[in-house]
Full PDB file with SEQRES, HELIX, SHEET, SSBOND, CRYST1, ORIGX, SCALE, CONECT and MASTER records, all heavy atoms in Angstrom:
SEQRES   1 A   35  LYS LEU ALA GLU ARG MET CYS GLU ASP LEU ASP ALA ALA          
SEQRES   2 A   35  GLY TYR VAL PHE CYS GLY GLY ASN ILE MET ALA SER ASN          
SEQRES   3 A   35  ASP GLN LEU ARG ILE PRO LEU SER ASP                          
HELIX    1 AA1 LEU A    2  ALA A   13  1                                  12    
HELIX    2 AA2 ASP A   27  LEU A   29  5                                   3    
CRYST1    1.000    1.000    1.000  90.00  90.00  90.00 P 1           1          
ORIGX1      1.000000  0.000000  0.000000        0.00000                         
ORIGX2      0.000000  1.000000  0.000000        0.00000                         
ORIGX3      0.000000  0.000000  1.000000        0.00000                         
SCALE1      1.000000  0.000000  0.000000        0.00000                         
SCALE2      0.000000  1.000000  0.000000        0.00000                         
SCALE3      0.000000  0.000000  1.000000        0.00000                         
ATOM      1  N   LYS A   1     -47.662-140.348-114.370  1.00  0.00           N  
ATOM      2  CA  LYS A   1     -47.931-139.877-113.000  1.00  0.00           C  
ATOM      3  C   LYS A   1     -49.394-140.103-112.618  1.00  0.00           C  
ATOM      4  O   LYS A   1     -49.700-140.476-111.481  1.00  0.00           O  
ATOM      5  CB  LYS A   1     -47.582-138.393-112.892  1.00  0.00           C  
ATOM      6  CG  LYS A   1     -46.085-138.108-112.923  1.00  0.00           C  
ATOM      7  CD  LYS A   1     -45.825-136.598-112.832  1.00  0.00           C  
ATOM      8  CE  LYS A   1     -44.328-136.307-112.844  1.00  0.00           C  
ATOM      9  NZ  LYS A   1     -44.048-134.845-112.823  1.00  0.00           N  
ATOM     10  N   LEU A   2     -50.302-139.856-113.563  1.00  0.00           N  
ATOM     11  CA  LEU A   2     -51.727-140.029-113.305  1.00  0.00           C  
ATOM     12  C   LEU A   2     -52.024-141.490-112.956  1.00  0.00           C  
ATOM     13  O   LEU A   2     -52.736-141.779-111.975  1.00  0.00           O  
ATOM     14  CB  LEU A   2     -52.538-139.610-114.527  1.00  0.00           C  
ATOM     15  CG  LEU A   2     -54.060-139.642-114.402  1.00  0.00           C  
ATOM     16  CD1 LEU A   2     -54.538-138.566-113.425  1.00  0.00           C  
ATOM     17  CD2 LEU A   2     -54.723-139.450-115.766  1.00  0.00           C  
ATOM     18  N   ALA A   3     -51.472-142.408-113.735  1.00  0.00           N  
ATOM     19  CA  ALA A   3     -51.709-143.839-113.516  1.00  0.00           C  
ATOM     20  C   ALA A   3     -51.110-144.295-112.195  1.00  0.00           C  
ATOM     21  O   ALA A   3     -51.737-145.048-111.433  1.00  0.00           O  
ATOM     22  CB  ALA A   3     -51.126-144.646-114.672  1.00  0.00           C  
ATOM     23  N   GLU A   4     -49.894-143.863-111.920  1.00  0.00           N  
ATOM     24  CA  GLU A   4     -49.243-144.282-110.675  1.00  0.00           C  
ATOM     25  C   GLU A   4     -50.000-143.779-109.458  1.00  0.00           C  
ATOM     26  O   GLU A   4     -50.168-144.503-108.468  1.00  0.00           O  
ATOM     27  CB  GLU A   4     -47.793-143.790-110.654  1.00  0.00           C  
ATOM     28  CG  GLU A   4     -46.894-144.537-111.638  1.00  0.00           C  
ATOM     29  CD  GLU A   4     -45.485-143.976-111.702  1.00  0.00           C  
ATOM     30  OE1 GLU A   4     -45.282-142.843-111.171  1.00  0.00           O  
ATOM     31  OE2 GLU A   4     -44.597-144.637-112.268  1.00  0.00           O  
ATOM     32  N   ARG A   5     -50.475-142.524-109.525  1.00  0.00           N  
ATOM     33  CA  ARG A   5     -51.219-141.969-108.408  1.00  0.00           C  
ATOM     34  C   ARG A   5     -52.514-142.759-108.190  1.00  0.00           C  
ATOM     35  O   ARG A   5     -52.869-143.110-107.060  1.00  0.00           O  
ATOM     36  CB  ARG A   5     -51.537-140.496-108.683  1.00  0.00           C  
ATOM     37  CG  ARG A   5     -52.393-139.813-107.612  1.00  0.00           C  
ATOM     38  CD  ARG A   5     -51.660-139.764-106.275  1.00  0.00           C  
ATOM     39  NE  ARG A   5     -50.358-139.166-106.420  1.00  0.00           N  
ATOM     40  CZ  ARG A   5     -50.129-137.845-106.456  1.00  0.00           C  
ATOM     41  NH1 ARG A   5     -51.139-136.993-106.355  1.00  0.00           N  
ATOM     42  NH2 ARG A   5     -48.905-137.381-106.576  1.00  0.00           N  
ATOM     43  N   MET A   6     -53.254-143.044-109.276  1.00  0.00           N  
ATOM     44  CA  MET A   6     -54.498-143.793-109.153  1.00  0.00           C  
ATOM     45  C   MET A   6     -54.255-145.182-108.574  1.00  0.00           C  
ATOM     46  O   MET A   6     -54.957-145.612-107.641  1.00  0.00           O  
ATOM     47  CB  MET A   6     -55.181-143.925-110.519  1.00  0.00           C  
ATOM     48  CG  MET A   6     -56.482-144.715-110.482  1.00  0.00           C  
ATOM     49  SD  MET A   6     -57.086-145.224-112.117  1.00  0.00           S  
ATOM     50  CE  MET A   6     -55.887-146.501-112.548  1.00  0.00           C  
ATOM     51  N   CYS A   7     -53.272-145.897-109.089  1.00  0.00           N  
ATOM     52  CA  CYS A   7     -53.013-147.270-108.641  1.00  0.00           C  
ATOM     53  C   CYS A   7     -52.560-147.313-107.181  1.00  0.00           C  
ATOM     54  O   CYS A   7     -52.946-148.214-106.423  1.00  0.00           O  
ATOM     55  CB  CYS A   7     -51.978-147.939-109.552  1.00  0.00           C  
ATOM     56  SG  CYS A   7     -52.569-148.222-111.243  1.00  0.00           S  
ATOM     57  N   GLU A   8     -51.740-146.348-106.778  1.00  0.00           N  
ATOM     58  CA  GLU A   8     -51.292-146.288-105.382  1.00  0.00           C  
ATOM     59  C   GLU A   8     -52.461-146.016-104.441  1.00  0.00           C  
ATOM     60  O   GLU A   8     -52.573-146.626-103.370  1.00  0.00           O  
ATOM     61  CB  GLU A   8     -50.216-145.210-105.221  1.00  0.00           C  
ATOM     62  CG  GLU A   8     -48.881-145.583-105.843  1.00  0.00           C  
ATOM     63  CD  GLU A   8     -47.926-144.405-105.924  1.00  0.00           C  
ATOM     64  OE1 GLU A   8     -48.288-143.312-105.425  1.00  0.00           O  
ATOM     65  OE2 GLU A   8     -46.820-144.572-106.470  1.00  0.00           O  
ATOM     66  N   ASP A   9     -53.344-145.108-104.840  1.00  0.00           N  
ATOM     67  CA  ASP A   9     -54.500-144.781-103.998  1.00  0.00           C  
ATOM     68  C   ASP A   9     -55.479-145.957-103.939  1.00  0.00           C  
ATOM     69  O   ASP A   9     -56.075-146.230-102.888  1.00  0.00           O  
ATOM     70  CB  ASP A   9     -55.208-143.530-104.525  1.00  0.00           C  
ATOM     71  CG  ASP A   9     -54.395-142.262-104.299  1.00  0.00           C  
ATOM     72  OD1 ASP A   9     -53.470-142.292-103.460  1.00  0.00           O  
ATOM     73  OD2 ASP A   9     -54.682-141.248-104.974  1.00  0.00           O  
ATOM     74  N   LEU A  10     -55.663-146.670-105.055  1.00  0.00           N  
ATOM     75  CA  LEU A  10     -56.521-147.850-105.052  1.00  0.00           C  
ATOM     76  C   LEU A  10     -55.970-148.923-104.119  1.00  0.00           C  
ATOM     77  O   LEU A  10     -56.717-149.571-103.381  1.00  0.00           O  
ATOM     78  CB  LEU A  10     -56.659-148.419-106.475  1.00  0.00           C  
ATOM     79  CG  LEU A  10     -57.576-147.667-107.435  1.00  0.00           C  
ATOM     80  CD1 LEU A  10     -57.410-148.179-108.860  1.00  0.00           C  
ATOM     81  CD2 LEU A  10     -59.043-147.786-107.004  1.00  0.00           C  
ATOM     82  N   ASP A  11     -54.651-149.099-104.142  1.00  0.00           N  
ATOM     83  CA  ASP A  11     -54.018-150.072-103.254  1.00  0.00           C  
ATOM     84  C   ASP A  11     -54.254-149.702-101.792  1.00  0.00           C  
ATOM     85  O   ASP A  11     -54.571-150.556-100.957  1.00  0.00           O  
ATOM     86  CB  ASP A  11     -52.520-150.141-103.550  1.00  0.00           C  
ATOM     87  CG  ASP A  11     -51.796-151.137-102.650  1.00  0.00           C  
ATOM     88  OD1 ASP A  11     -52.008-152.355-102.829  1.00  0.00           O  
ATOM     89  OD2 ASP A  11     -51.034-150.687-101.761  1.00  0.00           O  
ATOM     90  N   ALA A  12     -54.126-148.414-101.483  1.00  0.00           N  
ATOM     91  CA  ALA A  12     -54.357-147.938-100.111  1.00  0.00           C  
ATOM     92  C   ALA A  12     -55.807-148.163 -99.689  1.00  0.00           C  
ATOM     93  O   ALA A  12     -56.094-148.389 -98.501  1.00  0.00           O  
ATOM     94  CB  ALA A  12     -54.002-146.459-100.006  1.00  0.00           C  
ATOM     95  N   ALA A  13     -56.730-148.119-100.654  1.00  0.00           N  
ATOM     96  CA  ALA A  13     -58.147-148.298-100.355  1.00  0.00           C  
ATOM     97  C   ALA A  13     -58.527-149.766-100.177  1.00  0.00           C  
ATOM     98  O   ALA A  13     -59.619-150.071 -99.694  1.00  0.00           O  
ATOM     99  CB  ALA A  13     -58.997-147.684-101.467  1.00  0.00           C  
ATOM    100  N   GLY A  14     -57.642-150.681-100.570  1.00  0.00           N  
ATOM    101  CA  GLY A  14     -57.942-152.106-100.429  1.00  0.00           C  
ATOM    102  C   GLY A  14     -57.982-152.871-101.732  1.00  0.00           C  
ATOM    103  O   GLY A  14     -58.046-154.097-101.735  1.00  0.00           O  
ATOM    104  N   TYR A  15     -57.931-152.159-102.869  1.00  0.00           N  
ATOM    105  CA  TYR A  15     -57.835-152.819-104.174  1.00  0.00           C  
ATOM    106  C   TYR A  15     -56.352-153.000-104.446  1.00  0.00           C  
ATOM    107  O   TYR A  15     -55.711-152.168-105.094  1.00  0.00           O  
ATOM    108  CB  TYR A  15     -58.512-151.980-105.259  1.00  0.00           C  
ATOM    109  CG  TYR A  15     -59.983-151.749-105.005  1.00  0.00           C  
ATOM    110  CD1 TYR A  15     -60.449-150.513-104.544  1.00  0.00           C  
ATOM    111  CD2 TYR A  15     -60.909-152.766-105.192  1.00  0.00           C  
ATOM    112  CE1 TYR A  15     -61.799-150.299-104.292  1.00  0.00           C  
ATOM    113  CE2 TYR A  15     -62.265-152.565-104.945  1.00  0.00           C  
ATOM    114  CZ  TYR A  15     -62.700-151.331-104.487  1.00  0.00           C  
ATOM    115  OH  TYR A  15     -64.035-151.133-104.236  1.00  0.00           O  
ATOM    116  N   VAL A  16     -55.811-154.087-103.935  1.00  0.00           N  
ATOM    117  CA  VAL A  16     -54.358-154.268-103.896  1.00  0.00           C  
ATOM    118  C   VAL A  16     -53.762-154.337-105.295  1.00  0.00           C  
ATOM    119  O   VAL A  16     -54.442-154.664-106.272  1.00  0.00           O  
ATOM    120  CB  VAL A  16     -53.981-155.531-103.097  1.00  0.00           C  
ATOM    121  CG1 VAL A  16     -54.428-155.392-101.654  1.00  0.00           C  
ATOM    122  CG2 VAL A  16     -54.592-156.781-103.730  1.00  0.00           C  
ATOM    123  N   PHE A  17     -52.460-154.036-105.375  1.00  0.00           N  
ATOM    124  CA  PHE A  17     -51.752-154.108-106.647  1.00  0.00           C  
ATOM    125  C   PHE A  17     -51.922-155.492-107.258  1.00  0.00           C  
ATOM    126  O   PHE A  17     -51.844-156.508-106.565  1.00  0.00           O  
ATOM    127  CB  PHE A  17     -50.266-153.821-106.458  1.00  0.00           C  
ATOM    128  CG  PHE A  17     -49.949-152.399-106.076  1.00  0.00           C  
ATOM    129  CD1 PHE A  17     -49.160-152.126-104.970  1.00  0.00           C  
ATOM    130  CD2 PHE A  17     -50.433-151.340-106.826  1.00  0.00           C  
ATOM    131  CE1 PHE A  17     -48.864-150.819-104.621  1.00  0.00           C  
ATOM    132  CE2 PHE A  17     -50.143-150.031-106.484  1.00  0.00           C  
ATOM    133  CZ  PHE A  17     -49.355-149.766-105.376  1.00  0.00           C  
ATOM    134  N   CYS A  18     -52.140-155.528-108.551  1.00  0.00           N  
ATOM    135  CA  CYS A  18     -52.299-156.791-109.276  1.00  0.00           C  
ATOM    136  C   CYS A  18     -50.967-157.528-109.338  1.00  0.00           C  
ATOM    137  O   CYS A  18     -49.955-156.959-109.768  1.00  0.00           O  
ATOM    138  CB  CYS A  18     -52.822-156.524-110.686  1.00  0.00           C  
ATOM    139  SG  CYS A  18     -52.886-157.981-111.739  1.00  0.00           S  
ATOM    140  N   GLY A  19     -50.976-158.803-108.940  1.00  0.00           N  
ATOM    141  CA  GLY A  19     -49.751-159.591-108.979  1.00  0.00           C  
ATOM    142  C   GLY A  19     -49.222-159.787-110.383  1.00  0.00           C  
ATOM    143  O   GLY A  19     -48.017-159.976-110.581  1.00  0.00           O  
ATOM    144  N   GLY A  20     -50.114-159.733-111.361  1.00  0.00           N  
ATOM    145  CA  GLY A  20     -49.703-159.884-112.755  1.00  0.00           C  
ATOM    146  C   GLY A  20     -49.387-158.562-113.429  1.00  0.00           C  
ATOM    147  O   GLY A  20     -49.177-158.515-114.647  1.00  0.00           O  
ATOM    148  N   ASN A  21     -49.375-157.477-112.646  1.00  0.00           N  
ATOM    149  CA  ASN A  21     -49.056-156.128-113.143  1.00  0.00           C  
ATOM    150  C   ASN A  21     -50.030-155.650-114.217  1.00  0.00           C  
ATOM    151  O   ASN A  21     -49.660-154.912-115.140  1.00  0.00           O  
ATOM    152  CB  ASN A  21     -47.616-156.078-113.677  1.00  0.00           C  
ATOM    153  CG  ASN A  21     -47.073-154.647-113.705  1.00  0.00           C  
ATOM    154  OD1 ASN A  21     -47.565-153.764-113.008  1.00  0.00           O  
ATOM    155  ND2 ASN A  21     -46.069-154.419-114.533  1.00  0.00           N  
ATOM    156  N   ILE A  22     -51.289-156.074-114.109  1.00  0.00           N  
ATOM    157  CA  ILE A  22     -52.320-155.597-115.039  1.00  0.00           C  
ATOM    158  C   ILE A  22     -52.889-154.307-114.468  1.00  0.00           C  
ATOM    159  O   ILE A  22     -53.966-154.280-113.851  1.00  0.00           O  
ATOM    160  CB  ILE A  22     -53.405-156.665-115.259  1.00  0.00           C  
ATOM    161  CG1 ILE A  22     -52.768-157.945-115.804  1.00  0.00           C  
ATOM    162  CG2 ILE A  22     -54.470-156.167-116.249  1.00  0.00           C  
ATOM    163  CD1 ILE A  22     -53.726-159.110-115.932  1.00  0.00           C  
ATOM    164  N   MET A  23     -52.142-153.236-114.666  1.00  0.00           N  
ATOM    165  CA  MET A  23     -52.500-151.931-114.116  1.00  0.00           C  
ATOM    166  C   MET A  23     -52.036-150.840-115.075  1.00  0.00           C  
ATOM    167  O   MET A  23     -51.064-151.020-115.818  1.00  0.00           O  
ATOM    168  CB  MET A  23     -51.852-151.729-112.747  1.00  0.00           C  
ATOM    169  CG  MET A  23     -52.300-152.722-111.686  1.00  0.00           C  
ATOM    170  SD  MET A  23     -51.473-152.468-110.097  1.00  0.00           S  
ATOM    171  CE  MET A  23     -49.801-152.998-110.493  1.00  0.00           C  
ATOM    172  N   ALA A  24     -52.705-149.714-115.023  1.00  0.00           N  
ATOM    173  CA  ALA A  24     -52.354-148.596-115.900  1.00  0.00           C  
ATOM    174  C   ALA A  24     -50.958-148.070-115.633  1.00  0.00           C  
ATOM    175  O   ALA A  24     -50.372-147.404-116.488  1.00  0.00           O  
ATOM    176  CB  ALA A  24     -53.384-147.471-115.734  1.00  0.00           C  
ATOM    177  N   SER A  25     -50.406-148.365-114.466  1.00  0.00           N  
ATOM    178  CA  SER A  25     -49.033-147.950-114.155  1.00  0.00           C  
ATOM    179  C   SER A  25     -48.006-148.741-114.962  1.00  0.00           C  
ATOM    180  O   SER A  25     -46.837-148.357-115.045  1.00  0.00           O  
ATOM    181  CB  SER A  25     -48.757-148.118-112.657  1.00  0.00           C  
ATOM    182  OG  SER A  25     -49.046-149.444-112.232  1.00  0.00           O  
ATOM    183  N   ASN A  26     -48.432-149.844-115.574  1.00  0.00           N  
ATOM    184  CA  ASN A  26     -47.587-150.627-116.473  1.00  0.00           C  
ATOM    185  C   ASN A  26     -47.566-149.932-117.839  1.00  0.00           C  
ATOM    186  O   ASN A  26     -48.619-149.733-118.451  1.00  0.00           O  
ATOM    187  CB  ASN A  26     -48.171-152.044-116.586  1.00  0.00           C  
ATOM    188  CG  ASN A  26     -47.381-152.940-117.532  1.00  0.00           C  
ATOM    189  OD1 ASN A  26     -46.552-152.485-118.313  1.00  0.00           O  
ATOM    190  ND2 ASN A  26     -47.672-154.230-117.468  1.00  0.00           N  
ATOM    191  N   ASP A  27     -46.390-149.549-118.319  1.00  0.00           N  
ATOM    192  CA  ASP A  27     -46.274-148.792-119.577  1.00  0.00           C  
ATOM    193  C   ASP A  27     -46.980-149.481-120.738  1.00  0.00           C  
ATOM    194  O   ASP A  27     -47.509-148.817-121.644  1.00  0.00           O  
ATOM    195  CB  ASP A  27     -44.798-148.591-119.941  1.00  0.00           C  
ATOM    196  CG  ASP A  27     -44.071-147.685-118.957  1.00  0.00           C  
ATOM    197  OD1 ASP A  27     -44.759-147.020-118.161  1.00  0.00           O  
ATOM    198  OD2 ASP A  27     -42.823-147.658-118.973  1.00  0.00           O  
ATOM    199  N   GLN A  28     -47.021-150.815-120.738  1.00  0.00           N  
ATOM    200  CA  GLN A  28     -47.616-151.563-121.848  1.00  0.00           C  
ATOM    201  C   GLN A  28     -49.146-151.537-121.822  1.00  0.00           C  
ATOM    202  O   GLN A  28     -49.791-151.924-122.804  1.00  0.00           O  
ATOM    203  CB  GLN A  28     -47.131-153.024-121.810  1.00  0.00           C  
ATOM    204  CG  GLN A  28     -45.633-153.148-122.053  1.00  0.00           C  
ATOM    205  CD  GLN A  28     -45.167-154.590-121.975  1.00  0.00           C  
ATOM    206  OE1 GLN A  28     -45.806-155.436-121.350  1.00  0.00           O  
ATOM    207  NE2 GLN A  28     -44.053-154.885-122.613  1.00  0.00           N  
ATOM    208  N   LEU A  29     -49.715-151.086-120.715  1.00  0.00           N  
ATOM    209  CA  LEU A  29     -51.178-151.017-120.596  1.00  0.00           C  
ATOM    210  C   LEU A  29     -51.654-149.575-120.532  1.00  0.00           C  
ATOM    211  O   LEU A  29     -52.784-149.299-120.111  1.00  0.00           O  
ATOM    212  CB  LEU A  29     -51.648-151.785-119.355  1.00  0.00           C  
ATOM    213  CG  LEU A  29     -51.253-153.265-119.297  1.00  0.00           C  
ATOM    214  CD1 LEU A  29     -51.818-153.928-118.052  1.00  0.00           C  
ATOM    215  CD2 LEU A  29     -51.725-154.004-120.549  1.00  0.00           C  
ATOM    216  N   ARG A  30     -50.823-148.676-120.980  1.00  0.00           N  
ATOM    217  CA  ARG A  30     -51.137-147.243-121.024  1.00  0.00           C  
ATOM    218  C   ARG A  30     -50.717-146.746-122.402  1.00  0.00           C  
ATOM    219  O   ARG A  30     -49.696-146.093-122.582  1.00  0.00           O  
ATOM    220  CB  ARG A  30     -50.376-146.532-119.900  1.00  0.00           C  
ATOM    221  CG  ARG A  30     -50.804-145.134-119.595  1.00  0.00           C  
ATOM    222  CD  ARG A  30     -50.017-144.552-118.422  1.00  0.00           C  
ATOM    223  NE  ARG A  30     -48.581-144.424-118.686  1.00  0.00           N  
ATOM    224  CZ  ARG A  30     -47.645-145.195-118.152  1.00  0.00           C  
ATOM    225  NH1 ARG A  30     -47.966-146.140-117.296  1.00  0.00           N  
ATOM    226  NH2 ARG A  30     -46.365-145.015-118.463  1.00  0.00           N  
ATOM    227  N   ILE A  31     -51.535-147.114-123.406  1.00  0.00           N  
ATOM    228  CA  ILE A  31     -51.125-146.918-124.793  1.00  0.00           C  
ATOM    229  C   ILE A  31     -52.291-146.377-125.622  1.00  0.00           C  
ATOM    230  O   ILE A  31     -53.454-146.469-125.223  1.00  0.00           O  
ATOM    231  CB  ILE A  31     -50.624-148.249-125.407  1.00  0.00           C  
ATOM    232  CG1 ILE A  31     -51.681-149.357-125.244  1.00  0.00           C  
ATOM    233  CG2 ILE A  31     -49.302-148.677-124.776  1.00  0.00           C  
ATOM    234  CD1 ILE A  31     -51.285-150.692-125.859  1.00  0.00           C  
ATOM    235  N   PRO A  32     -51.977-145.828-126.807  1.00  0.00           N  
ATOM    236  CA  PRO A  32     -53.029-145.295-127.679  1.00  0.00           C  
ATOM    237  C   PRO A  32     -53.959-146.393-128.206  1.00  0.00           C  
ATOM    238  O   PRO A  32     -53.614-147.581-128.217  1.00  0.00           O  
ATOM    239  CB  PRO A  32     -52.247-144.642-128.825  1.00  0.00           C  
ATOM    240  CG  PRO A  32     -50.893-144.370-128.268  1.00  0.00           C  
ATOM    241  CD  PRO A  32     -50.627-145.497-127.315  1.00  0.00           C  
ATOM    242  N   LEU A  33     -55.109-145.970-128.689  1.00  0.00           N  
ATOM    243  CA  LEU A  33     -56.110-146.890-129.226  1.00  0.00           C  
ATOM    244  C   LEU A  33     -55.538-147.780-130.318  1.00  0.00           C  
ATOM    245  O   LEU A  33     -55.768-148.995-130.334  1.00  0.00           O  
ATOM    246  CB  LEU A  33     -57.303-146.086-129.761  1.00  0.00           C  
ATOM    247  CG  LEU A  33     -58.388-146.865-130.510  1.00  0.00           C  
ATOM    248  CD1 LEU A  33     -59.034-147.902-129.601  1.00  0.00           C  
ATOM    249  CD2 LEU A  33     -59.446-145.903-131.070  1.00  0.00           C  
ATOM    250  N   SER A  34     -54.786-147.194-131.234  1.00  0.00           N  
ATOM    251  CA  SER A  34     -54.236-147.978-132.348  1.00  0.00           C  
ATOM    252  C   SER A  34     -53.302-149.075-131.844  1.00  0.00           C  
ATOM    253  O   SER A  34     -53.264-150.181-132.410  1.00  0.00           O  
ATOM    254  CB  SER A  34     -53.492-147.062-133.327  1.00  0.00           C  
ATOM    255  OG  SER A  34     -52.473-146.338-132.661  1.00  0.00           O  
ATOM    256  N   ASP A  35     -52.555-148.805-130.761  1.00  0.00           N  
ATOM    257  CA  ASP A  35     -51.662-149.822-130.207  1.00  0.00           C  
ATOM    258  C   ASP A  35     -52.435-150.920-129.480  1.00  0.00           C  
ATOM    259  O   ASP A  35     -52.041-152.090-129.511  1.00  0.00           O  
ATOM    260  CB  ASP A  35     -50.648-149.177-129.259  1.00  0.00           C  
ATOM    261  CG  ASP A  35     -49.608-148.346-130.004  1.00  0.00           C  
ATOM    262  OD1 ASP A  35     -49.459-148.550-131.226  1.00  0.00           O  
ATOM    263  OD2 ASP A  35     -48.958-147.495-129.375  1.00  0.00           O  
TER     264      ASP A  35                                                      
MASTER        0    0    0    2    0    0    0    6  263    1    0    3          
END                                                                             
């Protein structure tokens, strides 16, 4: 929820969603240090 809220607000501000899905809202980019 935290990642989705941040990414949505950034998009609204003009930092549009990444076409390659390189965003914290992507489950694969929201992982522990060891991963």
